[in-house]
Amino acid sequence: MAGSESLTSGIAGRYATALFELAKEGGRLDAVEADLDAVSAALAASADLRDLTTSPVFPRDEMAAAMKALAARMNLGPEVSNTLGLMAVNRRLFVTPALIAAVKGMIAAERGQVAAEVTSAAPLSDEQTAALKATLKDRVGKDVELNVKVDESLIGGLVVRIGSRMIDTSIRSKLAKLQNVMKEVG
């Protein structure tokens, strides 16, 4: 399993580096980031699009035509449009989520920011978001861009990932630790 994750990150990393360099040379980092956000939202909203990007059943030419039509319909810039087209021809669309994460990380680093994946049990208010950003900025010394997701199974608290560091203050995690301690005692 770890081998396939490494392969995926390697493939995504190569495409991400190329896309980032093109965007940086063209002075279009903001536009590329907006395009990637749109693609990410489309992937989240459409099961058909997810199937197209992950299924080996579709022929290369159909994948490429579908991505070209999607890019035109979404008014994606040439950098993202061409990258998705190339990935379709090379049957690499399955790494699209990893590509998006990698490019967004590179853009954040270019801006002197760091990206944090935050999972909360309930939606965060504007005040909570601002306080979390300030606290994380104090800890890492850089501006922090939050990507917030809600997972009610946490019961309460937060899980924050910044790079390889993870801070888990969720109730689910605390209950799991308590359960393990109780097993050791009894």
N, C-alpha and C. Protein backbone atom coordinates (compact mmCIF):
# COMPACT_ATOMS: atom_id res chain seq x y z
N MET A 1 0.82 -1.19 0.00
CA MET A 1 0.00 0.00 0.00
C MET A 1 0.86 1.25 0.00
N ALA A 2 1.90 1.26 0.83
CA ALA A 2 2.77 2.42 0.89
C ALA A 2 3.46 2.65 -0.45
N GLY A 3 3.73 1.56 -1.17
CA GLY A 3 4.36 1.67 -2.48
C GLY A 3 3.49 2.39 -3.48
N SER A 4 2.18 2.09 -3.46
CA SER A 4 1.28 2.76 -4.41
C SER A 4 1.10 4.22 -4.05
N GLU A 5 1.11 4.55 -2.75
CA GLU A 5 1.02 5.95 -2.34
C GLU A 5 2.25 6.72 -2.79
N SER A 6 3.42 6.09 -2.68
CA SER A 6 4.65 6.72 -3.11
C SER A 6 4.65 6.94 -4.62
N LEU A 7 4.16 5.96 -5.37
CA LEU A 7 4.07 6.08 -6.82
C LEU A 7 3.14 7.22 -7.20
N THR A 8 1.97 7.26 -6.54
CA THR A 8 1.00 8.31 -6.82
C THR A 8 1.57 9.68 -6.51
N SER A 9 2.23 9.83 -5.36
CA SER A 9 2.78 11.15 -5.01
C SER A 9 3.90 11.53 -5.96
N GLY A 10 4.65 10.55 -6.46
CA GLY A 10 5.71 10.85 -7.42
C GLY A 10 5.16 11.34 -8.74
N ILE A 11 4.12 10.67 -9.22
CA ILE A 11 3.49 11.09 -10.48
C ILE A 11 2.86 12.47 -10.30
N ALA A 12 2.09 12.63 -9.23
CA ALA A 12 1.43 13.91 -8.97
C ALA A 12 2.47 15.02 -8.80
N GLY A 13 3.57 14.71 -8.14
CA GLY A 13 4.61 15.69 -7.90
C GLY A 13 5.23 16.22 -9.19
N ARG A 14 5.43 15.33 -10.14
CA ARG A 14 6.01 15.77 -11.41
C ARG A 14 5.06 16.69 -12.17
N TYR A 15 3.80 16.30 -12.25
CA TYR A 15 2.81 17.15 -12.92
C TYR A 15 2.62 18.46 -12.15
N ALA A 16 2.59 18.37 -10.82
CA ALA A 16 2.39 19.56 -9.99
C ALA A 16 3.54 20.55 -10.17
N THR A 17 4.77 20.04 -10.19
CA THR A 17 5.93 20.92 -10.37
C THR A 17 5.87 21.62 -11.71
N ALA A 18 5.54 20.87 -12.76
CA ALA A 18 5.44 21.47 -14.09
C ALA A 18 4.35 22.53 -14.14
N LEU A 19 3.17 22.23 -13.58
CA LEU A 19 2.07 23.18 -13.58
C LEU A 19 2.42 24.43 -12.77
N PHE A 20 3.03 24.22 -11.61
CA PHE A 20 3.43 25.36 -10.78
C PHE A 20 4.43 26.26 -11.50
N GLU A 21 5.42 25.65 -12.12
CA GLU A 21 6.44 26.45 -12.83
C GLU A 21 5.82 27.24 -13.98
N LEU A 22 4.91 26.62 -14.73
CA LEU A 22 4.22 27.34 -15.81
C LEU A 22 3.42 28.52 -15.26
N ALA A 23 2.70 28.29 -14.18
CA ALA A 23 1.89 29.35 -13.58
C ALA A 23 2.76 30.48 -13.05
N LYS A 24 3.87 30.11 -12.44
CA LYS A 24 4.78 31.12 -11.88
C LYS A 24 5.42 31.95 -12.99
N GLU A 25 5.88 31.29 -14.05
CA GLU A 25 6.48 32.01 -15.19
C GLU A 25 5.50 32.97 -15.82
N GLY A 26 4.24 32.54 -15.92
CA GLY A 26 3.21 33.38 -16.54
C GLY A 26 2.58 34.37 -15.59
N GLY A 27 2.99 34.37 -14.32
CA GLY A 27 2.39 35.28 -13.35
C GLY A 27 0.92 34.99 -13.10
N ARG A 28 0.57 33.70 -13.18
CA ARG A 28 -0.84 33.33 -13.07
C ARG A 28 -1.10 32.37 -11.90
N LEU A 29 -0.38 32.54 -10.81
CA LEU A 29 -0.57 31.66 -9.66
C LEU A 29 -1.99 31.74 -9.11
N ASP A 30 -2.53 32.95 -8.99
CA ASP A 30 -3.89 33.12 -8.46
C ASP A 30 -4.91 32.46 -9.37
N ALA A 31 -4.76 32.64 -10.68
CA ALA A 31 -5.71 32.06 -11.63
C ALA A 31 -5.64 30.54 -11.60
N VAL A 32 -4.44 29.99 -11.54
CA VAL A 32 -4.28 28.53 -11.50
C VAL A 32 -4.87 27.98 -10.19
N GLU A 33 -4.64 28.68 -9.10
CA GLU A 33 -5.20 28.24 -7.82
C GLU A 33 -6.73 28.23 -7.88
N ALA A 34 -7.32 29.26 -8.46
CA ALA A 34 -8.78 29.33 -8.59
C ALA A 34 -9.28 28.20 -9.49
N ASP A 35 -8.58 27.92 -10.58
CA ASP A 35 -8.96 26.82 -11.46
C ASP A 35 -8.90 25.48 -10.73
N LEU A 36 -7.86 25.28 -9.95
CA LEU A 36 -7.72 24.02 -9.21
C LEU A 36 -8.81 23.89 -8.15
N ASP A 37 -9.19 24.99 -7.52
CA ASP A 37 -10.29 24.96 -6.56
C ASP A 37 -11.58 24.54 -7.26
N ALA A 38 -11.79 25.06 -8.47
CA ALA A 38 -12.99 24.72 -9.25
C ALA A 38 -12.98 23.23 -9.62
N VAL A 39 -11.83 22.71 -10.03
CA VAL A 39 -11.73 21.29 -10.38
C VAL A 39 -11.97 20.43 -9.15
N SER A 40 -11.41 20.84 -8.03
CA SER A 40 -11.60 20.11 -6.78
C SER A 40 -13.08 20.06 -6.39
N ALA A 41 -13.76 21.21 -6.52
CA ALA A 41 -15.19 21.26 -6.22
C ALA A 41 -15.98 20.38 -7.18
N ALA A 42 -15.60 20.37 -8.45
CA ALA A 42 -16.28 19.54 -9.44
C ALA A 42 -16.09 18.05 -9.11
N LEU A 43 -14.89 17.67 -8.70
CA LEU A 43 -14.64 16.29 -8.32
C LEU A 43 -15.48 15.89 -7.11
N ALA A 44 -15.59 16.80 -6.16
CA ALA A 44 -16.37 16.52 -4.96
C ALA A 44 -17.87 16.40 -5.27
N ALA A 45 -18.33 17.16 -6.25
CA ALA A 45 -19.76 17.21 -6.56
C ALA A 45 -20.22 16.15 -7.55
N SER A 46 -19.34 15.62 -8.36
CA SER A 46 -19.76 14.74 -9.44
C SER A 46 -19.16 13.34 -9.34
N ALA A 47 -20.02 12.37 -9.09
CA ALA A 47 -19.56 10.97 -9.05
C ALA A 47 -19.11 10.53 -10.44
N ASP A 48 -19.76 11.03 -11.49
CA ASP A 48 -19.37 10.68 -12.86
C ASP A 48 -17.95 11.15 -13.16
N LEU A 49 -17.62 12.36 -12.72
CA LEU A 49 -16.27 12.88 -12.95
C LEU A 49 -15.25 12.07 -12.16
N ARG A 50 -15.57 11.72 -10.93
CA ARG A 50 -14.67 10.88 -10.14
C ARG A 50 -14.45 9.54 -10.82
N ASP A 51 -15.53 8.97 -11.35
CA ASP A 51 -15.41 7.69 -12.07
C ASP A 51 -14.51 7.84 -13.30
N LEU A 52 -14.69 8.92 -14.03
CA LEU A 52 -13.88 9.15 -15.23
C LEU A 52 -12.40 9.22 -14.87
N THR A 53 -12.08 9.88 -13.76
CA THR A 53 -10.67 10.07 -13.40
C THR A 53 -10.04 8.82 -12.80
N THR A 54 -10.86 7.91 -12.27
CA THR A 54 -10.28 6.74 -11.59
C THR A 54 -10.49 5.42 -12.31
N SER A 55 -11.42 5.36 -13.24
CA SER A 55 -11.74 4.08 -13.89
C SER A 55 -10.81 3.80 -15.08
N PRO A 56 -10.28 2.60 -15.15
CA PRO A 56 -9.44 2.24 -16.29
C PRO A 56 -10.25 1.83 -17.52
N VAL A 57 -11.57 1.85 -17.42
CA VAL A 57 -12.45 1.40 -18.49
C VAL A 57 -12.48 2.38 -19.66
N PHE A 58 -12.36 3.66 -19.38
CA PHE A 58 -12.48 4.66 -20.43
C PHE A 58 -11.21 4.72 -21.28
N PRO A 59 -11.38 4.75 -22.62
CA PRO A 59 -10.21 4.88 -23.50
C PRO A 59 -9.57 6.27 -23.37
N ARG A 60 -8.30 6.34 -23.69
CA ARG A 60 -7.55 7.59 -23.57
C ARG A 60 -8.21 8.74 -24.31
N ASP A 61 -8.64 8.47 -25.56
CA ASP A 61 -9.20 9.55 -26.36
C ASP A 61 -10.51 10.08 -25.77
N GLU A 62 -11.31 9.19 -25.18
CA GLU A 62 -12.55 9.63 -24.53
C GLU A 62 -12.25 10.46 -23.29
N MET A 63 -11.24 10.03 -22.52
CA MET A 63 -10.85 10.77 -21.32
C MET A 63 -10.35 12.17 -21.71
N ALA A 64 -9.52 12.22 -22.74
CA ALA A 64 -8.97 13.50 -23.18
C ALA A 64 -10.08 14.42 -23.69
N ALA A 65 -11.02 13.87 -24.47
CA ALA A 65 -12.13 14.67 -25.00
C ALA A 65 -13.01 15.18 -23.86
N ALA A 66 -13.27 14.32 -22.88
CA ALA A 66 -14.09 14.72 -21.74
C ALA A 66 -13.41 15.82 -20.94
N MET A 67 -12.11 15.72 -20.72
CA MET A 67 -11.39 16.74 -19.96
C MET A 67 -11.32 18.05 -20.73
N LYS A 68 -11.19 17.96 -22.06
CA LYS A 68 -11.17 19.16 -22.88
C LYS A 68 -12.53 19.86 -22.80
N ALA A 69 -13.61 19.09 -22.88
CA ALA A 69 -14.96 19.67 -22.79
C ALA A 69 -15.20 20.26 -21.40
N LEU A 70 -14.75 19.56 -20.36
CA LEU A 70 -14.90 20.06 -18.99
C LEU A 70 -14.15 21.36 -18.81
N ALA A 71 -12.92 21.40 -19.30
CA ALA A 71 -12.09 22.61 -19.16
C ALA A 71 -12.73 23.79 -19.88
N ALA A 72 -13.28 23.55 -21.06
CA ALA A 72 -13.94 24.63 -21.80
C ALA A 72 -15.19 25.09 -21.08
N ARG A 73 -15.97 24.15 -20.57
CA ARG A 73 -17.22 24.50 -19.88
C ARG A 73 -16.94 25.26 -18.58
N MET A 74 -15.86 24.93 -17.90
CA MET A 74 -15.51 25.58 -16.63
C MET A 74 -14.66 26.83 -16.84
N ASN A 75 -14.33 27.14 -18.09
CA ASN A 75 -13.47 28.29 -18.41
C ASN A 75 -12.14 28.22 -17.69
N LEU A 76 -11.53 27.04 -17.68
CA LEU A 76 -10.23 26.86 -17.05
C LEU A 76 -9.15 27.50 -17.92
N GLY A 77 -8.14 28.02 -17.27
CA GLY A 77 -7.03 28.62 -17.98
C GLY A 77 -6.23 27.57 -18.73
N PRO A 78 -5.35 28.01 -19.62
CA PRO A 78 -4.60 27.06 -20.45
C PRO A 78 -3.68 26.14 -19.65
N GLU A 79 -3.13 26.63 -18.55
CA GLU A 79 -2.20 25.79 -17.78
C GLU A 79 -2.92 24.55 -17.22
N VAL A 80 -4.03 24.78 -16.54
CA VAL A 80 -4.76 23.67 -15.93
C VAL A 80 -5.43 22.82 -17.00
N SER A 81 -5.99 23.46 -18.00
CA SER A 81 -6.65 22.73 -19.09
C SER A 81 -5.67 21.80 -19.80
N ASN A 82 -4.52 22.31 -20.15
CA ASN A 82 -3.52 21.49 -20.85
C ASN A 82 -2.95 20.39 -19.96
N THR A 83 -2.78 20.69 -18.68
CA THR A 83 -2.27 19.68 -17.76
C THR A 83 -3.25 18.52 -17.63
N LEU A 84 -4.54 18.85 -17.46
CA LEU A 84 -5.55 17.80 -17.36
C LEU A 84 -5.64 16.99 -18.66
N GLY A 85 -5.52 17.66 -19.79
CA GLY A 85 -5.53 16.96 -21.07
C GLY A 85 -4.36 16.01 -21.20
N LEU A 86 -3.18 16.46 -20.82
CA LEU A 86 -1.99 15.61 -20.88
C LEU A 86 -2.12 14.43 -19.92
N MET A 87 -2.65 14.70 -18.74
CA MET A 87 -2.84 13.62 -17.77
C MET A 87 -3.84 12.59 -18.30
N ALA A 88 -4.87 13.05 -19.01
CA ALA A 88 -5.86 12.13 -19.59
C ALA A 88 -5.21 11.25 -20.66
N VAL A 89 -4.43 11.84 -21.54
CA VAL A 89 -3.76 11.10 -22.60
C VAL A 89 -2.80 10.06 -22.00
N ASN A 90 -2.15 10.42 -20.91
CA ASN A 90 -1.19 9.52 -20.27
C ASN A 90 -1.83 8.61 -19.21
N ARG A 91 -3.16 8.66 -19.11
CA ARG A 91 -3.92 7.86 -18.13
C ARG A 91 -3.44 8.11 -16.71
N ARG A 92 -3.30 9.37 -16.36
CA ARG A 92 -2.83 9.75 -15.03
C ARG A 92 -3.86 10.60 -14.26
N LEU A 93 -5.10 10.62 -14.72
CA LEU A 93 -6.11 11.45 -14.06
C LEU A 93 -6.38 11.00 -12.63
N PHE A 94 -6.05 9.77 -12.30
CA PHE A 94 -6.29 9.27 -10.94
C PHE A 94 -5.50 10.04 -9.89
N VAL A 95 -4.45 10.77 -10.28
CA VAL A 95 -3.66 11.54 -9.31
C VAL A 95 -4.13 12.99 -9.20
N THR A 96 -5.26 13.33 -9.81
CA THR A 96 -5.73 14.72 -9.81
C THR A 96 -5.85 15.30 -8.40
N PRO A 97 -6.47 14.60 -7.43
CA PRO A 97 -6.54 15.19 -6.08
C PRO A 97 -5.15 15.45 -5.47
N ALA A 98 -4.22 14.53 -5.68
CA ALA A 98 -2.86 14.72 -5.16
C ALA A 98 -2.17 15.88 -5.88
N LEU A 99 -2.40 16.01 -7.19
CA LEU A 99 -1.85 17.13 -7.95
C LEU A 99 -2.36 18.45 -7.39
N ILE A 100 -3.66 18.54 -7.15
CA ILE A 100 -4.26 19.77 -6.63
C ILE A 100 -3.63 20.13 -5.28
N ALA A 101 -3.53 19.15 -4.40
CA ALA A 101 -2.94 19.41 -3.08
C ALA A 101 -1.49 19.86 -3.21
N ALA A 102 -0.73 19.22 -4.08
CA ALA A 102 0.68 19.56 -4.23
C ALA A 102 0.87 20.97 -4.79
N VAL A 103 0.09 21.33 -5.82
CA VAL A 103 0.22 22.67 -6.41
C VAL A 103 -0.20 23.73 -5.41
N LYS A 104 -1.28 23.47 -4.69
CA LYS A 104 -1.73 24.45 -3.69
C LYS A 104 -0.67 24.63 -2.60
N GLY A 105 -0.01 23.54 -2.24
CA GLY A 105 1.08 23.63 -1.26
C GLY A 105 2.25 24.45 -1.78
N MET A 106 2.59 24.26 -3.06
CA MET A 106 3.68 25.03 -3.66
C MET A 106 3.33 26.52 -3.75
N ILE A 107 2.08 26.81 -4.10
CA ILE A 107 1.65 28.20 -4.18
C ILE A 107 1.69 28.84 -2.80
N ALA A 108 1.23 28.11 -1.79
CA ALA A 108 1.26 28.63 -0.42
C ALA A 108 2.70 28.90 0.02
N ALA A 109 3.60 27.97 -0.29
CA ALA A 109 5.01 28.16 0.07
C ALA A 109 5.60 29.38 -0.64
N GLU A 110 5.23 29.57 -1.90
CA GLU A 110 5.70 30.72 -2.67
C GLU A 110 5.25 32.03 -2.01
N ARG A 111 4.08 32.02 -1.42
CA ARG A 111 3.53 33.21 -0.76
C ARG A 111 4.00 33.34 0.69
N GLY A 112 4.80 32.40 1.16
CA GLY A 112 5.23 32.44 2.55
C GLY A 112 4.17 31.93 3.50
N GLN A 113 3.27 31.11 2.98
CA GLN A 113 2.20 30.54 3.79
C GLN A 113 2.45 29.06 3.96
N VAL A 114 1.71 28.49 4.87
CA VAL A 114 1.72 27.05 5.04
C VAL A 114 0.25 26.61 5.06
N ALA A 115 -0.02 25.46 4.46
CA ALA A 115 -1.39 24.96 4.40
C ALA A 115 -1.65 24.03 5.58
N ALA A 116 -2.82 24.16 6.16
CA ALA A 116 -3.22 23.29 7.27
C ALA A 116 -4.55 22.64 6.92
N GLU A 117 -4.58 21.33 7.07
CA GLU A 117 -5.82 20.57 6.89
C GLU A 117 -6.48 20.48 8.27
N VAL A 118 -7.66 21.05 8.39
CA VAL A 118 -8.36 21.06 9.67
C VAL A 118 -9.66 20.28 9.51
N THR A 119 -9.85 19.31 10.39
CA THR A 119 -11.11 18.57 10.42
C THR A 119 -11.75 18.87 11.76
N SER A 120 -12.98 19.36 11.73
CA SER A 120 -13.68 19.70 12.97
C SER A 120 -14.97 18.90 13.06
N ALA A 121 -15.49 18.78 14.28
CA ALA A 121 -16.73 18.04 14.50
C ALA A 121 -17.94 18.84 14.05
N ALA A 122 -17.81 20.16 14.03
CA ALA A 122 -18.90 21.05 13.62
C ALA A 122 -18.28 22.21 12.84
N PRO A 123 -19.06 22.88 12.02
CA PRO A 123 -18.51 24.04 11.28
C PRO A 123 -17.95 25.08 12.24
N LEU A 124 -16.81 25.66 11.87
CA LEU A 124 -16.18 26.67 12.69
C LEU A 124 -16.77 28.05 12.39
N SER A 125 -16.95 28.84 13.43
CA SER A 125 -17.41 30.21 13.24
C SER A 125 -16.25 31.05 12.72
N ASP A 126 -16.55 32.26 12.27
CA ASP A 126 -15.50 33.17 11.80
C ASP A 126 -14.51 33.48 12.91
N GLU A 127 -15.01 33.65 14.14
CA GLU A 127 -14.13 33.95 15.28
C GLU A 127 -13.22 32.77 15.58
N GLN A 128 -13.77 31.55 15.54
CA GLN A 128 -12.97 30.36 15.79
C GLN A 128 -11.90 30.17 14.72
N THR A 129 -12.28 30.42 13.47
CA THR A 129 -11.33 30.31 12.37
C THR A 129 -10.19 31.30 12.53
N ALA A 130 -10.53 32.54 12.86
CA ALA A 130 -9.50 33.58 13.06
C ALA A 130 -8.59 33.22 14.23
N ALA A 131 -9.16 32.73 15.32
CA ALA A 131 -8.35 32.36 16.49
C ALA A 131 -7.44 31.19 16.16
N LEU A 132 -7.95 30.21 15.41
CA LEU A 132 -7.13 29.06 15.03
C LEU A 132 -5.98 29.49 14.12
N LYS A 133 -6.28 30.37 13.15
CA LYS A 133 -5.22 30.88 12.27
C LYS A 133 -4.14 31.59 13.07
N ALA A 134 -4.54 32.42 14.02
CA ALA A 134 -3.58 33.17 14.84
C ALA A 134 -2.73 32.22 15.68
N THR A 135 -3.35 31.22 16.28
CA THR A 135 -2.62 30.26 17.11
C THR A 135 -1.62 29.46 16.26
N LEU A 136 -2.07 29.01 15.10
CA LEU A 136 -1.17 28.24 14.23
C LEU A 136 -0.04 29.10 13.69
N LYS A 137 -0.33 30.37 13.41
CA LYS A 137 0.72 31.28 12.93
C LYS A 137 1.79 31.44 14.00
N ASP A 138 1.38 31.55 15.25
CA ASP A 138 2.34 31.65 16.35
C ASP A 138 3.20 30.40 16.46
N ARG A 139 2.60 29.23 16.21
CA ARG A 139 3.34 27.97 16.35
C ARG A 139 4.30 27.72 15.20
N VAL A 140 3.90 28.05 13.95
CA VAL A 140 4.74 27.73 12.80
C VAL A 140 5.52 28.92 12.27
N GLY A 141 5.15 30.13 12.68
CA GLY A 141 5.87 31.31 12.25
C GLY A 141 5.57 31.79 10.84
N LYS A 142 4.51 31.27 10.24
CA LYS A 142 4.11 31.68 8.89
C LYS A 142 2.60 31.88 8.87
N ASP A 143 2.13 32.60 7.85
CA ASP A 143 0.69 32.69 7.65
C ASP A 143 0.16 31.30 7.33
N VAL A 144 -1.02 30.99 7.83
CA VAL A 144 -1.59 29.66 7.65
C VAL A 144 -2.87 29.76 6.84
N GLU A 145 -2.93 28.95 5.79
CA GLU A 145 -4.12 28.85 4.96
C GLU A 145 -4.86 27.59 5.41
N LEU A 146 -6.10 27.75 5.88
CA LEU A 146 -6.86 26.62 6.41
C LEU A 146 -7.73 25.98 5.34
N ASN A 147 -7.72 24.67 5.30
CA ASN A 147 -8.64 23.90 4.49
C ASN A 147 -9.48 23.12 5.49
N VAL A 148 -10.70 23.60 5.76
CA VAL A 148 -11.52 23.06 6.84
C VAL A 148 -12.55 22.08 6.29
N LYS A 149 -12.63 20.93 6.93
CA LYS A 149 -13.63 19.91 6.62
C LYS A 149 -14.38 19.59 7.91
N VAL A 150 -15.61 19.14 7.77
CA VAL A 150 -16.41 18.76 8.93
C VAL A 150 -16.59 17.25 8.92
N ASP A 151 -16.31 16.63 10.07
CA ASP A 151 -16.51 15.19 10.26
C ASP A 151 -17.17 15.01 11.62
N GLU A 152 -18.47 14.77 11.60
CA GLU A 152 -19.23 14.67 12.85
C GLU A 152 -18.80 13.49 13.71
N SER A 153 -18.13 12.50 13.11
CA SER A 153 -17.71 11.34 13.88
C SER A 153 -16.61 11.68 14.89
N LEU A 154 -16.03 12.87 14.79
CA LEU A 154 -15.04 13.30 15.78
C LEU A 154 -15.68 13.58 17.14
N ILE A 155 -16.98 13.79 17.16
CA ILE A 155 -17.80 14.09 18.33
C ILE A 155 -17.54 15.51 18.82
N GLY A 156 -16.31 15.90 18.97
CA GLY A 156 -15.93 17.25 19.38
C GLY A 156 -14.45 17.43 19.14
N GLY A 157 -13.98 18.67 19.18
CA GLY A 157 -12.57 18.94 19.00
C GLY A 157 -12.16 19.08 17.55
N LEU A 158 -10.83 19.04 17.33
CA LEU A 158 -10.24 19.27 16.01
C LEU A 158 -9.13 18.27 15.74
N VAL A 159 -8.88 18.05 14.46
CA VAL A 159 -7.67 17.37 14.01
C VAL A 159 -7.02 18.33 13.02
N VAL A 160 -5.78 18.74 13.32
CA VAL A 160 -5.07 19.70 12.49
C VAL A 160 -3.81 19.03 11.95
N ARG A 161 -3.64 19.10 10.62
CA ARG A 161 -2.44 18.56 9.97
C ARG A 161 -1.71 19.69 9.27
N ILE A 162 -0.45 19.87 9.62
CA ILE A 162 0.41 20.84 8.94
C ILE A 162 1.65 20.08 8.52
N GLY A 163 1.76 19.83 7.23
CA GLY A 163 2.88 19.02 6.76
C GLY A 163 2.80 17.63 7.36
N SER A 164 3.87 17.20 8.01
CA SER A 164 3.89 15.87 8.62
C SER A 164 3.43 15.90 10.07
N ARG A 165 3.15 17.08 10.60
CA ARG A 165 2.71 17.20 12.00
C ARG A 165 1.19 17.09 12.09
N MET A 166 0.73 16.41 13.14
CA MET A 166 -0.71 16.29 13.36
C MET A 166 -1.01 16.56 14.82
N ILE A 167 -2.04 17.37 15.05
CA ILE A 167 -2.51 17.66 16.39
C ILE A 167 -3.95 17.16 16.44
N ASP A 168 -4.21 16.17 17.29
CA ASP A 168 -5.54 15.57 17.38
C ASP A 168 -6.12 15.83 18.76
N THR A 169 -7.08 16.73 18.85
CA THR A 169 -7.75 17.04 20.11
C THR A 169 -9.20 16.57 20.08
N SER A 170 -9.51 15.61 19.21
CA SER A 170 -10.89 15.17 19.06
C SER A 170 -11.32 14.28 20.22
N ILE A 171 -12.61 14.31 20.49
CA ILE A 171 -13.18 13.46 21.54
C ILE A 171 -13.06 11.99 21.11
N ARG A 172 -13.24 11.71 19.81
CA ARG A 172 -13.13 10.34 19.31
C ARG A 172 -11.75 9.77 19.65
N SER A 173 -10.71 10.55 19.44
CA SER A 173 -9.35 10.11 19.72
C SER A 173 -9.15 9.87 21.22
N LYS A 174 -9.68 10.76 22.03
CA LYS A 174 -9.53 10.61 23.49
C LYS A 174 -10.28 9.38 23.98
N LEU A 175 -11.46 9.11 23.41
CA LEU A 175 -12.22 7.92 23.79
C LEU A 175 -11.48 6.64 23.38
N ALA A 176 -10.84 6.66 22.21
CA ALA A 176 -10.08 5.50 21.75
C ALA A 176 -8.90 5.24 22.68
N LYS A 177 -8.21 6.30 23.11
CA LYS A 177 -7.09 6.13 24.05
C LYS A 177 -7.57 5.58 25.38
N LEU A 178 -8.69 6.09 25.85
CA LEU A 178 -9.26 5.61 27.11
C LEU A 178 -9.65 4.14 27.00
N GLN A 179 -10.22 3.77 25.86
CA GLN A 179 -10.60 2.38 25.63
C GLN A 179 -9.38 1.47 25.66
N ASN A 180 -8.28 1.91 25.06
CA ASN A 180 -7.05 1.10 25.09
C ASN A 180 -6.50 0.97 26.50
N VAL A 181 -6.54 2.03 27.27
CA VAL A 181 -6.07 1.98 28.65
C VAL A 181 -6.92 1.02 29.46
N MET A 182 -8.24 1.06 29.24
CA MET A 182 -9.15 0.18 29.98
C MET A 182 -8.88 -1.28 29.62
N LYS A 183 -8.53 -1.57 28.37
CA LYS A 183 -8.23 -2.95 27.96
C LYS A 183 -6.97 -3.45 28.67
N GLU A 184 -5.99 -2.55 28.83
CA GLU A 184 -4.74 -2.94 29.49
C GLU A 184 -4.95 -3.25 30.96
N VAL A 185 -5.86 -2.51 31.61
CA VAL A 185 -6.11 -2.69 33.04
C VAL A 185 -6.86 -3.97 33.29
N GLY A 186 -7.89 -4.24 32.47
CA GLY A 186 -8.78 -5.38 32.75
C GLY A 186 -8.36 -6.57 32.03
